[in-house]
Protein backbone atom coordinates (compact mmCIF):
# COMPACT_ATOMS: atom_id res chain seq x y z
CA UNK A 1 59.59 111.82 86.32
CA UNK A 2 62.97 110.59 87.63
CA UNK A 3 64.23 107.26 86.30
CA UNK A 4 63.92 104.26 88.63
CA UNK A 5 66.67 103.97 91.21
CA UNK A 6 69.51 101.59 90.45
CA UNK A 7 69.47 98.59 92.81
CA UNK A 8 72.56 97.81 94.82
CA UNK A 9 75.38 96.83 92.45
CA UNK A 10 77.73 95.26 94.98
CA UNK A 11 78.17 92.10 92.90
CA UNK A 12 79.98 94.18 90.27
CA UNK A 13 82.66 95.21 92.77
CA UNK A 14 85.29 93.20 94.64
CA UNK A 15 84.32 94.28 98.16
CA UNK A 16 84.11 91.77 101.05
CA UNK A 17 80.76 91.55 102.79
CA UNK A 18 82.17 92.87 106.08
CA UNK A 19 83.72 96.00 104.54
CA UNK A 20 81.73 99.25 104.55
CA UNK A 21 83.50 101.45 101.98
CA UNK A 22 82.27 105.06 102.00
CA UNK A 23 85.35 106.84 100.68
CA UNK A 24 84.97 107.15 96.90
CA UNK A 25 86.03 110.80 97.12
CA UNK A 26 89.47 109.37 97.94
CA UNK A 27 89.40 106.60 95.35
CA UNK A 28 86.62 104.51 93.88
CA UNK A 29 86.62 100.75 94.25
CA UNK A 30 87.46 99.20 90.91
CA UNK A 31 84.77 97.32 89.02
CA UNK A 32 85.37 93.61 88.48
CA UNK A 33 85.12 94.19 84.71
CA UNK A 34 87.80 96.88 84.90
CA UNK A 35 90.19 94.60 86.78
CA UNK A 36 89.53 91.85 84.27
CA UNK A 37 90.26 94.18 81.36
CA UNK A 38 93.58 95.11 82.96
CA UNK A 39 94.59 91.50 83.58
CA UNK A 40 93.78 90.58 80.00
CA UNK A 41 95.77 93.56 78.67
CA UNK A 42 98.96 93.13 80.72
CA UNK A 43 100.44 90.26 78.60
CA UNK A 44 100.23 92.31 75.40
CA UNK A 45 103.51 94.15 76.04
CA UNK A 46 105.23 90.79 76.53
CA UNK A 47 104.46 90.07 72.86
CA UNK A 48 104.96 93.43 71.14
CA UNK A 49 104.45 91.96 67.67
CA UNK A 50 100.75 91.86 68.58
CA UNK A 51 100.59 95.64 69.12
CA UNK A 52 98.92 97.19 66.10
CA UNK A 53 96.89 100.15 64.91
CA UNK A 54 93.96 99.18 67.13
CA UNK A 55 96.11 99.69 70.22
CA UNK A 56 97.73 102.92 69.07
CA UNK A 57 94.69 104.68 67.66
CA UNK A 58 91.34 102.87 67.79
CA UNK A 59 90.96 102.38 71.54
CA UNK A 60 92.03 105.98 72.12
CA UNK A 61 89.18 107.20 69.95
CA UNK A 62 86.76 104.85 71.66
CA UNK A 63 87.68 106.30 75.05
CA UNK A 64 87.43 109.85 73.73
CA UNK A 65 83.95 109.20 72.41
CA UNK A 66 82.76 107.56 75.62
CA UNK A 67 83.82 110.45 77.83
CA UNK A 68 82.30 112.91 75.36
CA UNK A 69 78.93 111.20 75.86
CA UNK A 70 79.25 111.53 79.64
CA UNK A 71 79.71 115.32 79.51
CA UNK A 72 77.55 116.01 76.45
CA UNK A 73 80.40 116.99 74.15
CA UNK A 74 81.85 115.99 70.79
CA UNK A 75 84.72 113.52 70.67
CA UNK A 76 86.71 116.17 68.79
CA UNK A 77 86.61 118.30 71.96
CA UNK A 78 88.27 115.64 74.17
CA UNK A 79 91.96 115.11 74.90
CA UNK A 80 93.45 112.20 76.84
CA UNK A 81 95.56 113.28 79.81
CA UNK A 82 97.23 111.42 82.69
CA UNK A 83 95.83 113.55 85.51
CA UNK A 84 93.69 116.52 86.43
CA UNK A 85 96.85 118.56 87.07
CA UNK A 86 97.95 117.96 83.46
CA UNK A 87 94.62 119.31 82.28
CA UNK A 88 94.70 122.32 84.58
CA UNK A 89 98.28 123.01 83.53
CA UNK A 90 97.22 122.99 79.88
CA UNK A 91 94.38 125.39 80.63
CA UNK A 92 96.64 127.70 82.62
CA UNK A 93 99.16 127.83 79.79
CA UNK A 94 96.45 128.81 77.30
CA UNK A 95 94.42 131.31 79.33
CA UNK A 96 95.27 134.95 78.58
CA UNK A 97 95.85 136.93 81.77
CA UNK A 98 96.97 140.56 81.98
CA UNK A 99 98.51 142.59 84.77
CA UNK A 100 95.91 143.77 87.24
CA UNK A 101 93.37 141.10 86.34
CA UNK A 102 92.05 138.53 88.80
CA UNK A 103 91.79 134.75 88.98
CA UNK A 104 88.91 133.45 91.08
CA UNK A 105 89.50 130.33 93.20
CA UNK A 106 87.80 128.73 96.20
CA UNK A 107 89.20 128.65 99.70
CA UNK A 108 90.81 125.27 100.42
CA UNK A 109 90.60 124.22 96.79
CA UNK A 110 92.65 121.17 95.83
CA UNK A 111 96.35 122.15 95.54
CA UNK A 112 96.86 120.93 91.97
CA UNK A 113 94.16 123.36 90.91
CA UNK A 114 95.74 126.27 92.78
CA UNK A 115 99.47 126.10 92.06
CA UNK A 116 99.25 126.68 88.26
CA UNK A 117 97.16 129.81 88.77
CA UNK A 118 99.43 131.08 91.52
CA UNK A 119 102.33 130.83 89.10
CA UNK A 120 100.43 132.56 86.29
CA UNK A 121 99.34 135.35 88.62
CA UNK A 122 102.93 135.90 89.74
CA UNK A 123 104.25 135.84 86.17
CA UNK A 124 101.63 138.21 84.77
CA UNK A 125 101.16 140.58 87.70
CA UNK A 126 97.62 139.35 88.26
CA UNK A 127 95.89 138.73 91.58
CA UNK A 128 94.30 135.64 93.08
CA UNK A 129 90.83 136.25 94.53
CA UNK A 130 89.99 133.51 97.01
CA UNK A 131 86.30 132.99 97.73
CA UNK A 132 86.00 132.19 101.42
CA UNK A 133 83.80 129.37 102.64
CA UNK A 134 80.25 130.77 103.02
CA UNK A 135 78.52 130.27 106.35
CA UNK A 136 75.25 129.42 104.59
CA UNK A 137 76.92 126.76 102.37
CA UNK A 138 76.00 128.74 99.22
CA UNK A 139 79.24 128.62 97.25
CA UNK A 140 77.49 129.73 94.07
CA UNK A 141 76.37 133.10 95.40
CA UNK A 142 79.76 133.70 96.95
CA UNK A 143 81.52 133.00 93.63
CA UNK A 144 79.12 135.19 91.68
CA UNK A 145 79.98 138.11 93.96
CA UNK A 146 83.68 137.67 93.14
CA UNK A 147 83.24 137.76 89.35
CA UNK A 148 83.57 141.27 87.91
CA UNK A 149 85.08 143.09 84.94
CA UNK A 150 88.62 142.56 86.28
CA UNK A 151 88.27 138.78 86.16
CA UNK A 152 90.39 136.87 83.63
CA UNK A 153 89.82 133.29 84.84
CA UNK A 154 87.32 131.49 87.05
CA UNK A 155 88.90 128.16 88.01
CA UNK A 156 86.65 125.94 90.09
CA UNK A 157 85.43 122.45 90.91
CA UNK A 158 81.78 121.52 90.65
CA UNK A 159 82.05 119.83 94.05
CA UNK A 160 84.41 121.01 96.77
CA UNK A 161 86.81 118.19 97.53
CA UNK A 162 86.78 118.76 101.30
CA UNK A 163 83.07 118.51 102.07
CA UNK A 164 80.98 117.98 98.93
CA UNK A 165 79.69 121.55 98.66
CA UNK A 166 78.17 121.97 95.20
CA UNK A 167 78.37 124.91 92.79
CA UNK A 168 75.84 125.86 90.11
CA UNK A 169 78.10 125.83 87.08
CA UNK A 170 75.45 127.03 84.65
CA UNK A 171 74.96 130.26 86.63
CA UNK A 172 78.70 130.70 87.13
CA UNK A 173 79.41 130.06 83.44
CA UNK A 174 76.90 132.70 82.47
CA UNK A 175 78.52 135.24 84.81
CA UNK A 176 82.03 134.42 83.58
CA UNK A 177 81.06 134.87 79.93
CA UNK A 178 79.37 138.18 80.72
CA UNK A 179 82.73 139.69 81.76
CA UNK A 180 84.87 137.83 79.21
CA UNK A 181 86.50 135.52 81.77
CA UNK A 182 87.69 131.99 80.97
CA UNK A 183 85.97 129.19 82.89
CA UNK A 184 88.22 126.28 83.87
CA UNK A 185 86.63 123.33 85.70
CA UNK A 186 88.05 120.48 87.75
CA UNK A 187 85.46 117.70 87.81
CA UNK A 188 87.59 115.24 89.75
CA UNK A 189 84.89 114.94 92.40
CA UNK A 190 81.85 114.94 90.16
CA UNK A 191 82.36 113.56 86.62
CA UNK A 192 80.47 110.29 86.46
CA UNK A 193 78.32 110.90 89.53
CA UNK A 194 76.78 114.32 88.86
CA UNK A 195 75.33 115.17 85.44
CA UNK A 196 76.89 117.99 83.46
CA UNK A 197 76.06 119.38 80.04
CA UNK A 198 78.93 121.36 78.56
CA UNK A 199 76.54 123.07 76.13
CA UNK A 200 74.70 124.61 79.09
CA UNK A 201 77.77 125.41 81.21
CA UNK A 202 80.06 126.35 78.28
CA UNK A 203 83.43 126.00 80.03
CA UNK A 204 86.66 126.75 78.21
CA UNK A 205 88.40 123.76 79.76
CA UNK A 206 87.17 120.85 81.88
CA UNK A 207 89.21 117.98 83.26
CA UNK A 208 88.55 114.77 85.17
CA UNK A 209 90.70 111.79 86.20
CA UNK A 210 89.18 108.34 85.88
CA UNK A 211 90.13 106.86 89.24
CA UNK A 212 87.39 108.52 91.28
CA UNK A 213 83.77 108.75 90.10
CA UNK A 214 84.47 107.41 86.60
CA UNK A 215 85.42 104.10 88.28
CA UNK A 216 88.54 103.61 86.21
CA UNK A 217 92.28 103.19 86.83
CA UNK A 218 94.83 105.62 88.22
CA UNK A 219 97.00 107.72 85.84
CA UNK A 220 94.30 108.29 83.22
CA UNK A 221 91.90 111.15 82.60
CA UNK A 222 90.24 113.46 80.11
CA UNK A 223 90.35 117.13 79.17
CA UNK A 224 87.40 118.82 77.46
CA UNK A 225 88.49 121.76 75.31
CA UNK A 226 85.92 124.17 73.90
CA UNK A 227 86.28 124.49 70.12
CA UNK A 228 87.37 128.12 70.53
CA UNK A 229 90.52 126.83 72.25
CA UNK A 230 91.43 124.07 69.81
CA UNK A 231 94.30 126.07 68.32
CA UNK A 232 96.21 126.57 71.59
CA UNK A 233 99.65 125.37 72.66
CA UNK A 234 99.91 121.85 74.17
CA UNK A 235 102.11 121.09 77.15
CA UNK A 236 104.24 118.73 75.06
CA UNK A 237 105.08 118.32 71.38
CA UNK A 238 104.63 114.60 70.88
CA UNK A 239 104.66 112.66 67.63
CA UNK A 240 101.24 111.05 67.90
CA UNK A 241 99.38 114.38 68.09
CA UNK A 242 100.55 115.33 64.59
CA UNK A 243 98.73 114.68 61.34
CA UNK A 244 99.72 111.47 59.60
CA UNK A 245 101.21 109.89 62.72
CA UNK A 246 99.48 106.60 61.96
CA UNK A 247 102.03 106.06 59.16
CA UNK A 248 105.10 105.06 61.13
CA UNK A 249 107.25 104.95 57.99
CA UNK A 250 106.88 108.70 57.51
CA UNK A 251 107.32 110.00 61.07
CA UNK A 252 110.51 111.81 60.10
CA UNK A 253 108.57 113.77 57.49
CA UNK A 254 107.96 116.27 60.24
CA UNK A 255 104.51 117.76 60.32
CA UNK A 256 103.64 121.30 61.31
CA UNK A 257 99.95 120.50 61.67
CA UNK A 258 98.30 118.77 64.59
CA UNK A 259 95.54 116.22 64.43
CA UNK A 260 92.06 117.69 64.41
CA UNK A 261 90.18 119.10 67.38
CA UNK A 262 91.55 118.80 70.91
CA UNK A 263 93.87 115.91 70.01
CA UNK A 264 96.90 118.22 70.01
CA UNK A 265 96.55 118.29 73.81
CA UNK A 266 96.79 114.49 74.20
CA UNK A 267 99.54 113.22 76.48
CA UNK A 268 102.35 111.55 74.56
CA UNK A 269 101.84 108.00 75.82
CA UNK A 270 98.08 108.18 75.52
CA UNK A 271 97.88 104.70 73.95
CA UNK A 272 98.55 102.90 77.21
CA UNK A 273 97.89 99.28 76.32
CA UNK A 274 96.82 98.34 79.85
CA UNK A 275 95.01 101.45 81.05
CA UNK A 276 92.87 102.12 77.97
CA UNK A 277 90.95 98.83 78.06
CA UNK A 278 90.33 99.47 81.75
CA UNK A 279 89.16 103.02 81.08
CA UNK A 280 86.78 101.85 78.36
CA UNK A 281 85.35 99.10 80.56
CA UNK A 282 84.71 101.61 83.35
CA UNK A 283 83.09 104.17 81.05
CA UNK A 284 80.91 101.49 79.50
CA UNK A 285 79.45 100.72 82.92
CA UNK A 286 78.93 104.38 83.81
CA UNK A 287 77.13 104.91 80.50
CA UNK A 288 75.04 101.78 80.98
CA UNK A 289 73.79 103.03 84.35
CA UNK A 290 73.48 106.63 83.19
CA UNK A 291 74.94 109.51 85.17
CA UNK A 292 71.53 110.98 86.02
CA UNK A 293 70.34 107.65 87.43
CA UNK A 294 73.60 107.29 89.37
CA UNK A 295 73.11 110.75 90.87
CA UNK A 296 69.45 110.16 91.70
CA UNK A 297 70.26 106.84 93.36
CA UNK A 298 73.17 108.19 95.37
CA UNK A 299 71.11 111.20 96.47
CA UNK A 300 68.78 108.77 98.23
CA UNK A 301 71.75 106.99 99.82
CA UNK A 302 73.38 110.19 101.09
CA UNK A 303 70.04 111.42 102.44
CA UNK A 304 69.76 108.20 104.45
CA UNK A 305 73.31 108.67 105.72
CA UNK A 306 72.44 112.21 106.86
CA UNK A 307 69.46 110.82 108.79
CA UNK A 308 71.60 108.18 110.46
CA UNK A 309 74.40 110.60 111.32
CA UNK A 310 72.00 113.21 112.71
CA UNK A 311 71.14 110.85 115.57
CA UNK A 312 74.74 111.27 116.75
CA UNK A 313 75.00 115.04 116.42
CA UNK A 314 76.33 115.29 112.85
CA UNK A 315 74.95 117.78 110.34
CA UNK A 316 75.34 118.28 106.59
CA UNK A 317 74.79 121.18 104.22
CA UNK A 318 71.23 121.61 102.94
CA UNK A 319 70.48 119.36 99.99
CA UNK A 320 70.34 122.34 97.60
CA UNK A 321 73.99 123.14 98.36
CA UNK A 322 75.54 119.67 98.46
CA UNK A 323 76.44 117.08 95.86
CA UNK A 324 74.14 114.08 95.43
CA UNK A 325 77.00 111.64 96.01
CA UNK A 326 79.31 113.30 98.53
CA UNK A 327 78.72 114.46 102.10
CA UNK A 328 80.73 116.58 104.49
CA UNK A 329 79.43 115.83 107.99
CA UNK A 330 80.33 118.19 110.82
CA UNK A 331 79.68 118.17 114.54
CA UNK A 332 79.65 120.88 117.17
CA UNK A 333 83.03 120.91 118.87
CA UNK A 334 84.76 119.38 115.83
CA UNK A 335 85.87 115.86 114.98
CA UNK A 336 88.11 113.70 117.18
CA UNK A 337 91.62 113.57 115.67
CA UNK A 338 91.64 109.77 115.62
CA UNK A 339 88.19 109.29 114.11
CA UNK A 340 89.23 107.74 110.79
CA UNK A 341 91.48 105.02 112.31
CA UNK A 342 88.77 104.20 114.82
CA UNK A 343 86.28 103.76 111.97
CA UNK A 344 88.84 101.63 110.14
CA UNK A 345 89.12 99.31 113.14
CA UNK A 346 85.45 98.57 112.58
CA UNK A 347 85.94 98.03 108.81
CA UNK A 348 84.23 101.32 107.96
CA UNK A 349 86.21 103.45 105.53
CA UNK A 350 85.56 107.19 105.45
CA UNK A 351 87.80 110.25 105.26
CA UNK A 352 88.31 113.64 106.86
CA UNK A 353 89.33 116.93 105.31
CA UNK A 354 89.48 119.94 107.59
CA UNK A 355 86.51 119.89 109.93
CA UNK A 356 84.42 117.58 107.76
CA UNK A 357 83.88 113.84 107.91
CA UNK A 358 83.83 112.90 104.22
CA UNK A 359 81.29 110.20 103.42
CA UNK A 360 81.09 109.33 99.74
CA UNK A 361 79.24 106.16 98.70
CA UNK A 362 78.69 104.55 95.32
CA UNK A 363 76.29 101.94 94.00
CA UNK A 364 78.02 99.14 95.89
CA UNK A 365 76.61 100.43 99.20
CA UNK A 366 73.90 98.21 100.64
CA UNK A 367 71.36 98.51 103.45
CA UNK A 368 73.74 96.38 105.52
CA UNK A 369 76.49 98.94 104.93
CA UNK A 370 74.27 101.75 106.23
CA UNK A 371 73.51 99.70 109.33
CA UNK A 372 77.25 99.03 109.69
CA UNK A 373 77.98 102.77 109.47
CA UNK A 374 75.30 103.59 112.04
CA UNK A 375 76.66 100.95 114.42
CA UNK A 376 80.15 102.43 114.11
CA UNK A 377 78.85 105.91 114.87
CA UNK A 378 77.06 104.57 117.92
CA UNK A 379 80.21 102.87 119.17
CA UNK A 380 82.36 105.97 118.63
CA UNK A 381 80.12 108.68 120.05
């Protein structure tokens, strides 16, 4: 039996009553607790004598452990990175690719998750296989058809950033392993809003920034690294990733060995004294709600949005092929080019990518917001 839906959480966000914000795929609104954590942390750098081991090492490990719980991993499998592109770059550097092999991507995938593989393909004499957008919205079947014995890497999102199309990562992971391909995942548009279990999917690498569905700040993120890849080459050779780095007096006793697990892949300035408290505050709230409950609650919200939008000629992918938290609404004849600014004039914030109107709510969305959205659609038809 599904857990009870989460009631509207608008009081936990700093959103005026007359603003209808439905654009979390662009950037989530920041929780009040996250903003407070940032404000409290900012003065620390003004008094550097207060910066101690807790700030360099303890809060980092707390963040690592929190994200591990969200994806069902061990803290030893988690690295701290500044962006999804940093994580994808690390995966690309450590994925063996031979001449004549293929790298499977999606059509219109986010650029930061395409450029590293384009470079690797060019350097190694490999070939990019682009899975075209399926007419029946079934990305999973289309990807499975592209995976064969020539495949070296399958590099995908769980949710397509343009329209919320969802992929079955368990099925894709099984197919990738069957041919010996590496599975690299970008969960920018799903981590924190769509449940994932890395034990079931078994990716080689998985990355997610915190500023979208993890409700945290910009310039922070996480990289899951399967234990089989713990001995790879990091993007940078920083001091804090080495064994014994907590003893500042011995940093010039240079160490060959890295810290255990995925920590060798940590970004150099991982111990950001302002961002880490904000990240931890955000992850605490996501964990308190529970990702499954978030997904179940947002699935109801997006279903209601589909019903409202259908009255004005908009359609969405079938529920089986779309994310619970993210809609791509289309309309026969396409979208007007000025649709987003016209929504904005009515204090409704949505996005467009390609031919899709992106509508991506979170738990701050109220019944009044849905009425507000419907009224805007009526005025703009």
